[in-house]
């Protein structure tokens, strides 16, 4: 029960090292359980490398493994940010990376909780527009996260956001498709973050 496993995140040689209890790691992720209990290099070394994951995203992941809560600093009152360079913009981007990491490790419960956190931040202060580019770089066209951000862009866009070219070109077509369905009332109140839960879409696929 007290066995530890090691994670290395980010590219060499600037990687970050994390140590987590094996039991809690394997409990939440079937991918990590298969890796650490296999005869492959991860099972032999009890170490796992995640080169594309950010330090901030993995810190949130490791915290979630124990608490099952996504603690966004932006949603806390009177909390001091951990580092001067860690800003709301960086946290928004790390939440996107956290969702992608949870998808990679097959942790749908965490993906859904990230959507909740993103939606709470969007409603409180808005999400940084840099997220659009990152989402399109890190997901495929069928991604639930991409669909969620298309909805956000369609509902929250401003003339300035388009003028600054922060929205990827391919995203314009997705926004147009979304608006063709929901116009003239893109801010429909019944379309909440829960619609973009991975579990909801898994149920839809199972029924098809």
C-alpha atoms as a PDB file:
ATOM      1  CA  UNK A   1       0.000   0.000   0.000  1.00  0.00           C
ATOM      2  CA  UNK A   2       2.952   2.369   0.569  1.00  0.00           C
ATOM      3  CA  UNK A   3       4.702   1.665  -2.745  1.00  0.00           C
ATOM      4  CA  UNK A   4       5.671   4.759  -4.715  1.00  0.00           C
ATOM      5  CA  UNK A   5       5.879   5.416  -8.443  1.00  0.00           C
ATOM      6  CA  UNK A   6       7.744   8.209 -10.209  1.00  0.00           C
ATOM      7  CA  UNK A   7       6.599  10.517 -12.988  1.00  0.00           C
ATOM      8  CA  UNK A   8       8.780  12.691 -15.213  1.00  0.00           C
ATOM      9  CA  UNK A   9       6.907  15.490 -16.954  1.00  0.00           C
ATOM     10  CA  UNK A  10       8.062  17.858 -19.656  1.00  0.00           C
ATOM     11  CA  UNK A  11      10.862  17.496 -22.200  1.00  0.00           C
ATOM     12  CA  UNK A  12      14.434  16.541 -21.401  1.00  0.00           C
ATOM     13  CA  UNK A  13      16.497  17.951 -19.836  1.00  0.00           C
ATOM     14  CA  UNK A  14      14.044  20.352 -18.163  1.00  0.00           C
ATOM     15  CA  UNK A  15      11.730  17.615 -16.890  1.00  0.00           C
ATOM     16  CA  UNK A  16      10.030  17.734 -13.479  1.00  0.00           C
ATOM     17  CA  UNK A  17       9.994  14.745 -11.148  1.00  0.00           C
ATOM     18  CA  UNK A  18       6.957  13.698  -9.100  1.00  0.00           C
ATOM     19  CA  UNK A  19       6.513  10.808  -6.688  1.00  0.00           C
ATOM     20  CA  UNK A  20       3.022   9.449  -5.965  1.00  0.00           C
ATOM     21  CA  UNK A  21       1.618   6.432  -4.160  1.00  0.00           C
ATOM     22  CA  UNK A  22       1.170   3.572  -6.599  1.00  0.00           C
ATOM     23  CA  UNK A  23      -2.122   2.416  -5.087  1.00  0.00           C
ATOM     24  CA  UNK A  24      -3.956   5.702  -5.640  1.00  0.00           C
ATOM     25  CA  UNK A  25      -2.441   6.094  -9.099  1.00  0.00           C
ATOM     26  CA  UNK A  26      -3.508   2.654 -10.275  1.00  0.00           C
ATOM     27  CA  UNK A  27      -6.942   3.013  -8.698  1.00  0.00           C
ATOM     28  CA  UNK A  28      -7.862   6.003 -10.842  1.00  0.00           C
ATOM     29  CA  UNK A  29      -6.168   5.198 -14.155  1.00  0.00           C
ATOM     30  CA  UNK A  30      -6.409   1.863 -15.981  1.00  0.00           C
ATOM     31  CA  UNK A  31      -3.626   3.066 -18.281  1.00  0.00           C
ATOM     32  CA  UNK A  32      -1.215   3.615 -15.401  1.00  0.00           C
ATOM     33  CA  UNK A  33      -2.314   0.401 -13.693  1.00  0.00           C
ATOM     34  CA  UNK A  34      -1.541  -1.582 -16.837  1.00  0.00           C
ATOM     35  CA  UNK A  35       1.807   0.163 -17.227  1.00  0.00           C
ATOM     36  CA  UNK A  36       3.060  -0.235 -13.664  1.00  0.00           C
ATOM     37  CA  UNK A  37       1.909  -3.852 -13.401  1.00  0.00           C
ATOM     38  CA  UNK A  38       3.424  -4.894 -16.730  1.00  0.00           C
ATOM     39  CA  UNK A  39       6.774  -6.352 -17.770  1.00  0.00           C
ATOM     40  CA  UNK A  40       7.509  -3.285 -19.881  1.00  0.00           C
ATOM     41  CA  UNK A  41       9.959  -0.557 -18.889  1.00  0.00           C
ATOM     42  CA  UNK A  42       7.351   1.254 -16.747  1.00  0.00           C
ATOM     43  CA  UNK A  43       6.683  -1.885 -14.759  1.00  0.00           C
ATOM     44  CA  UNK A  44      10.369  -2.627 -14.330  1.00  0.00           C
ATOM     45  CA  UNK A  45      11.373   0.893 -13.299  1.00  0.00           C
ATOM     46  CA  UNK A  46       8.067   1.970 -11.705  1.00  0.00           C
ATOM     47  CA  UNK A  47       8.536   5.244 -13.570  1.00  0.00           C
ATOM     48  CA  UNK A  48       6.367   6.903 -16.235  1.00  0.00           C
ATOM     49  CA  UNK A  49       7.308   9.707 -18.615  1.00  0.00           C
ATOM     50  CA  UNK A  50       4.858  12.369 -19.810  1.00  0.00           C
ATOM     51  CA  UNK A  51       6.858  14.689 -22.039  1.00  0.00           C
ATOM     52  CA  UNK A  52       3.944  16.797 -23.308  1.00  0.00           C
ATOM     53  CA  UNK A  53       2.355  17.496 -19.920  1.00  0.00           C
ATOM     54  CA  UNK A  54       3.018  20.776 -18.131  1.00  0.00           C
ATOM     55  CA  UNK A  55       4.252  20.984 -14.561  1.00  0.00           C
ATOM     56  CA  UNK A  56       1.127  22.857 -13.482  1.00  0.00           C
ATOM     57  CA  UNK A  57      -1.228  20.345 -15.095  1.00  0.00           C
ATOM     58  CA  UNK A  58       0.498  17.400 -13.443  1.00  0.00           C
ATOM     59  CA  UNK A  59       0.488  19.131 -10.060  1.00  0.00           C
ATOM     60  CA  UNK A  60      -3.286  19.442 -10.378  1.00  0.00           C
ATOM     61  CA  UNK A  61      -3.500  15.812 -11.502  1.00  0.00           C
ATOM     62  CA  UNK A  62      -1.487  14.516  -8.554  1.00  0.00           C
ATOM     63  CA  UNK A  63      -3.569  16.598  -6.151  1.00  0.00           C
ATOM     64  CA  UNK A  64      -6.787  15.250  -7.699  1.00  0.00           C
ATOM     65  CA  UNK A  65      -5.626  11.656  -7.281  1.00  0.00           C
ATOM     66  CA  UNK A  66      -5.829  12.125  -3.501  1.00  0.00           C
ATOM     67  CA  UNK A  67      -8.676  14.636  -3.135  1.00  0.00           C
ATOM     68  CA  UNK A  68     -10.793  14.072  -6.282  1.00  0.00           C
ATOM     69  CA  UNK A  69     -11.196  17.842  -6.470  1.00  0.00           C
ATOM     70  CA  UNK A  70      -9.979  20.295  -9.089  1.00  0.00           C
ATOM     71  CA  UNK A  71      -8.778  23.243  -7.037  1.00  0.00           C
ATOM     72  CA  UNK A  72      -8.462  26.272  -9.302  1.00  0.00           C
ATOM     73  CA  UNK A  73      -6.873  29.251  -7.578  1.00  0.00           C
ATOM     74  CA  UNK A  74      -9.129  31.600  -9.529  1.00  0.00           C
ATOM     75  CA  UNK A  75     -12.181  30.138  -7.811  1.00  0.00           C
ATOM     76  CA  UNK A  76     -10.803  30.603  -4.295  1.00  0.00           C
ATOM     77  CA  UNK A  77     -11.216  33.726  -2.187  1.00  0.00           C
ATOM     78  CA  UNK A  78      -8.238  35.245  -0.415  1.00  0.00           C
ATOM     79  CA  UNK A  79      -5.777  32.616  -1.612  1.00  0.00           C
ATOM     80  CA  UNK A  80      -2.193  33.631  -2.388  1.00  0.00           C
ATOM     81  CA  UNK A  81      -0.971  32.397  -5.752  1.00  0.00           C
ATOM     82  CA  UNK A  82       1.869  29.874  -5.348  1.00  0.00           C
ATOM     83  CA  UNK A  83       4.299  31.581  -7.720  1.00  0.00           C
ATOM     84  CA  UNK A  84       4.515  35.097  -9.081  1.00  0.00           C
ATOM     85  CA  UNK A  85       4.687  33.773 -12.631  1.00  0.00           C
ATOM     86  CA  UNK A  86       1.657  31.516 -12.124  1.00  0.00           C
ATOM     87  CA  UNK A  87      -1.197  33.640 -13.436  1.00  0.00           C
ATOM     88  CA  UNK A  88      -4.866  33.093 -14.296  1.00  0.00           C
ATOM     89  CA  UNK A  89      -3.778  32.738 -17.925  1.00  0.00           C
ATOM     90  CA  UNK A  90      -1.322  29.980 -17.014  1.00  0.00           C
ATOM     91  CA  UNK A  91      -3.953  28.230 -14.908  1.00  0.00           C
ATOM     92  CA  UNK A  92      -6.502  28.284 -17.744  1.00  0.00           C
ATOM     93  CA  UNK A  93      -3.936  26.695 -20.060  1.00  0.00           C
ATOM     94  CA  UNK A  94      -2.970  24.136 -17.414  1.00  0.00           C
ATOM     95  CA  UNK A  95      -6.619  23.153 -17.027  1.00  0.00           C
ATOM     96  CA  UNK A  96      -6.757  22.464 -20.758  1.00  0.00           C
ATOM     97  CA  UNK A  97      -3.607  20.366 -20.425  1.00  0.00           C
ATOM     98  CA  UNK A  98      -5.120  18.584 -17.421  1.00  0.00           C
ATOM     99  CA  UNK A  99      -8.177  17.583 -19.480  1.00  0.00           C
ATOM    100  CA  UNK A 100      -5.886  16.266 -22.239  1.00  0.00           C
ATOM    101  CA  UNK A 101      -3.833  14.337 -19.680  1.00  0.00           C
ATOM    102  CA  UNK A 102      -6.966  12.818 -18.162  1.00  0.00           C
ATOM    103  CA  UNK A 103      -8.047  11.723 -21.639  1.00  0.00           C
ATOM    104  CA  UNK A 104      -4.654  10.104 -22.255  1.00  0.00           C
ATOM    105  CA  UNK A 105      -4.792   8.238 -18.934  1.00  0.00           C
ATOM    106  CA  UNK A 106      -8.500   7.311 -19.264  1.00  0.00           C
ATOM    107  CA  UNK A 107      -9.809   9.249 -16.271  1.00  0.00           C
ATOM    108  CA  UNK A 108     -13.220  10.529 -17.473  1.00  0.00           C
ATOM    109  CA  UNK A 109     -14.315  11.646 -14.010  1.00  0.00           C
ATOM    110  CA  UNK A 110     -11.445  14.126 -13.949  1.00  0.00           C
ATOM    111  CA  UNK A 111     -12.242  15.326 -17.475  1.00  0.00           C
ATOM    112  CA  UNK A 112     -15.779  16.170 -16.373  1.00  0.00           C
ATOM    113  CA  UNK A 113     -14.541  18.006 -13.285  1.00  0.00           C
ATOM    114  CA  UNK A 114     -12.172  20.067 -15.426  1.00  0.00           C
ATOM    115  CA  UNK A 115     -15.148  21.119 -17.557  1.00  0.00           C
ATOM    116  CA  UNK A 116     -16.900  22.239 -14.360  1.00  0.00           C
ATOM    117  CA  UNK A 117     -13.868  24.306 -13.331  1.00  0.00           C
ATOM    118  CA  UNK A 118     -13.523  25.870 -16.786  1.00  0.00           C
ATOM    119  CA  UNK A 119     -17.205  26.768 -16.863  1.00  0.00           C
ATOM    120  CA  UNK A 120     -17.047  28.324 -13.380  1.00  0.00           C
ATOM    121  CA  UNK A 121     -14.054  30.418 -14.431  1.00  0.00           C
ATOM    122  CA  UNK A 122     -15.757  31.413 -17.681  1.00  0.00           C
ATOM    123  CA  UNK A 123     -18.811  32.603 -15.799  1.00  0.00           C
ATOM    124  CA  UNK A 124     -16.745  34.414 -13.150  1.00  0.00           C
ATOM    125  CA  UNK A 125     -14.161  36.229 -15.268  1.00  0.00           C
ATOM    126  CA  UNK A 126     -13.922  34.619 -18.691  1.00  0.00           C
ATOM    127  CA  UNK A 127     -11.347  32.197 -20.062  1.00  0.00           C
ATOM    128  CA  UNK A 128      -8.197  33.499 -21.716  1.00  0.00           C
ATOM    129  CA  UNK A 129      -8.484  33.362 -25.470  1.00  0.00           C
ATOM    130  CA  UNK A 130      -5.088  31.647 -25.762  1.00  0.00           C
ATOM    131  CA  UNK A 131      -6.948  28.487 -24.774  1.00  0.00           C
ATOM    132  CA  UNK A 132      -8.538  28.296 -28.225  1.00  0.00           C
ATOM    133  CA  UNK A 133      -5.249  27.737 -30.010  1.00  0.00           C
ATOM    134  CA  UNK A 134      -4.036  25.252 -27.396  1.00  0.00           C
ATOM    135  CA  UNK A 135      -7.255  23.231 -27.540  1.00  0.00           C
ATOM    136  CA  UNK A 136      -7.017  22.935 -31.323  1.00  0.00           C
ATOM    137  CA  UNK A 137      -3.360  21.921 -31.089  1.00  0.00           C
ATOM    138  CA  UNK A 138      -3.970  19.257 -28.434  1.00  0.00           C
ATOM    139  CA  UNK A 139      -7.290  17.673 -29.498  1.00  0.00           C
ATOM    140  CA  UNK A 140      -8.865  16.070 -32.541  1.00  0.00           C
ATOM    141  CA  UNK A 141     -11.980  17.213 -34.386  1.00  0.00           C
ATOM    142  CA  UNK A 142     -14.276  14.900 -32.396  1.00  0.00           C
ATOM    143  CA  UNK A 143     -13.051  16.126 -29.021  1.00  0.00           C
ATOM    144  CA  UNK A 144     -15.642  17.059 -26.412  1.00  0.00           C
ATOM    145  CA  UNK A 145     -13.250  19.717 -25.113  1.00  0.00           C
ATOM    146  CA  UNK A 146     -13.023  21.260 -28.566  1.00  0.00           C
ATOM    147  CA  UNK A 147     -16.808  21.307 -28.793  1.00  0.00           C
ATOM    148  CA  UNK A 148     -16.985  23.035 -25.415  1.00  0.00           C
ATOM    149  CA  UNK A 149     -14.583  25.783 -26.484  1.00  0.00           C
ATOM    150  CA  UNK A 150     -16.435  26.278 -29.765  1.00  0.00           C
ATOM    151  CA  UNK A 151     -19.531  26.928 -27.693  1.00  0.00           C
ATOM    152  CA  UNK A 152     -17.566  29.344 -25.471  1.00  0.00           C
ATOM    153  CA  UNK A 153     -16.164  31.249 -28.441  1.00  0.00           C
ATOM    154  CA  UNK A 154     -19.586  31.499 -30.097  1.00  0.00           C
ATOM    155  CA  UNK A 155     -21.219  32.795 -26.919  1.00  0.00           C
ATOM    156  CA  UNK A 156     -18.441  35.054 -25.649  1.00  0.00           C
ATOM    157  CA  UNK A 157     -16.632  36.333 -28.728  1.00  0.00           C
ATOM    158  CA  UNK A 158     -15.910  40.022 -29.217  1.00  0.00           C
ATOM    159  CA  UNK A 159     -14.818  41.968 -32.255  1.00  0.00           C
ATOM    160  CA  UNK A 160     -11.450  42.460 -30.586  1.00  0.00           C
ATOM    161  CA  UNK A 161     -10.886  38.710 -30.197  1.00  0.00           C
ATOM    162  CA  UNK A 162     -11.330  38.218 -33.917  1.00  0.00           C
ATOM    163  CA  UNK A 163      -9.155  41.231 -34.777  1.00  0.00           C
ATOM    164  CA  UNK A 164      -6.301  39.867 -32.659  1.00  0.00           C
ATOM    165  CA  UNK A 165      -6.467  36.583 -34.549  1.00  0.00           C
ATOM    166  CA  UNK A 166      -6.506  34.532 -31.370  1.00  0.00           C
ATOM    167  CA  UNK A 167      -9.006  32.096 -32.856  1.00  0.00           C
ATOM    168  CA  UNK A 168      -7.510  29.371 -35.092  1.00  0.00           C
ATOM    169  CA  UNK A 169      -8.679  29.575 -38.692  1.00  0.00           C
ATOM    170  CA  UNK A 170     -10.179  26.075 -38.609  1.00  0.00           C
ATOM    171  CA  UNK A 171     -12.226  27.089 -35.573  1.00  0.00           C
ATOM    172  CA  UNK A 172     -14.214  29.653 -37.568  1.00  0.00           C
ATOM    173  CA  UNK A 173     -16.008  26.895 -39.477  1.00  0.00           C
ATOM    174  CA  UNK A 174     -16.860  25.106 -36.221  1.00  0.00           C
ATOM    175  CA  UNK A 175     -18.206  28.345 -34.730  1.00  0.00           C
ATOM    176  CA  UNK A 176     -20.299  28.955 -37.852  1.00  0.00           C
ATOM    177  CA  UNK A 177     -21.742  25.443 -37.620  1.00  0.00           C
ATOM    178  CA  UNK A 178     -22.604  25.961 -33.953  1.00  0.00           C
ATOM    179  CA  UNK A 179     -24.254  29.326 -34.607  1.00  0.00           C
ATOM    180  CA  UNK A 180     -26.244  27.902 -37.531  1.00  0.00           C
ATOM    181  CA  UNK A 181     -27.972  25.643 -35.015  1.00  0.00           C
ATOM    182  CA  UNK A 182     -28.326  28.046 -32.085  1.00  0.00           C
ATOM    183  CA  UNK A 183     -28.736  31.465 -33.703  1.00  0.00           C
ATOM    184  CA  UNK A 184     -30.322  33.930 -32.882  1.00  0.00           C
ATOM    185  CA  UNK A 185     -29.973  32.953 -29.222  1.00  0.00           C
ATOM    186  CA  UNK A 186     -26.452  31.535 -28.780  1.00  0.00           C
ATOM    187  CA  UNK A 187     -26.613  32.099 -25.031  1.00  0.00           C
ATOM    188  CA  UNK A 188     -29.298  29.506 -24.401  1.00  0.00           C
ATOM    189  CA  UNK A 189     -29.543  28.984 -20.656  1.00  0.00           C
ATOM    190  CA  UNK A 190     -30.125  25.238 -20.780  1.00  0.00           C
ATOM    191  CA  UNK A 191     -26.779  24.499 -22.442  1.00  0.00           C
ATOM    192  CA  UNK A 192     -24.535  24.031 -19.426  1.00  0.00           C
ATOM    193  CA  UNK A 193     -21.083  22.545 -19.006  1.00  0.00           C
ATOM    194  CA  UNK A 194     -22.614  19.169 -18.170  1.00  0.00           C
ATOM    195  CA  UNK A 195     -23.450  18.758 -21.850  1.00  0.00           C
ATOM    196  CA  UNK A 196     -19.717  18.471 -22.430  1.00  0.00           C
ATOM    197  CA  UNK A 197     -19.097  15.746 -19.886  1.00  0.00           C
ATOM    198  CA  UNK A 198     -17.229  12.785 -21.325  1.00  0.00           C
ATOM    199  CA  UNK A 199     -19.621  10.463 -19.487  1.00  0.00           C
ATOM    200  CA  UNK A 200     -22.608  12.004 -21.277  1.00  0.00           C
ATOM    201  CA  UNK A 201     -21.043  11.397 -24.690  1.00  0.00           C
ATOM    202  CA  UNK A 202     -19.955   7.883 -23.724  1.00  0.00           C
ATOM    203  CA  UNK A 203     -23.588   7.079 -22.914  1.00  0.00           C
ATOM    204  CA  UNK A 204     -24.675   8.468 -26.275  1.00  0.00           C
ATOM    205  CA  UNK A 205     -22.133   6.309 -28.094  1.00  0.00           C
ATOM    206  CA  UNK A 206     -23.189   3.244 -26.107  1.00  0.00           C
ATOM    207  CA  UNK A 207     -26.807   3.770 -27.144  1.00  0.00           C
ATOM    208  CA  UNK A 208     -25.992   4.103 -30.823  1.00  0.00           C
END
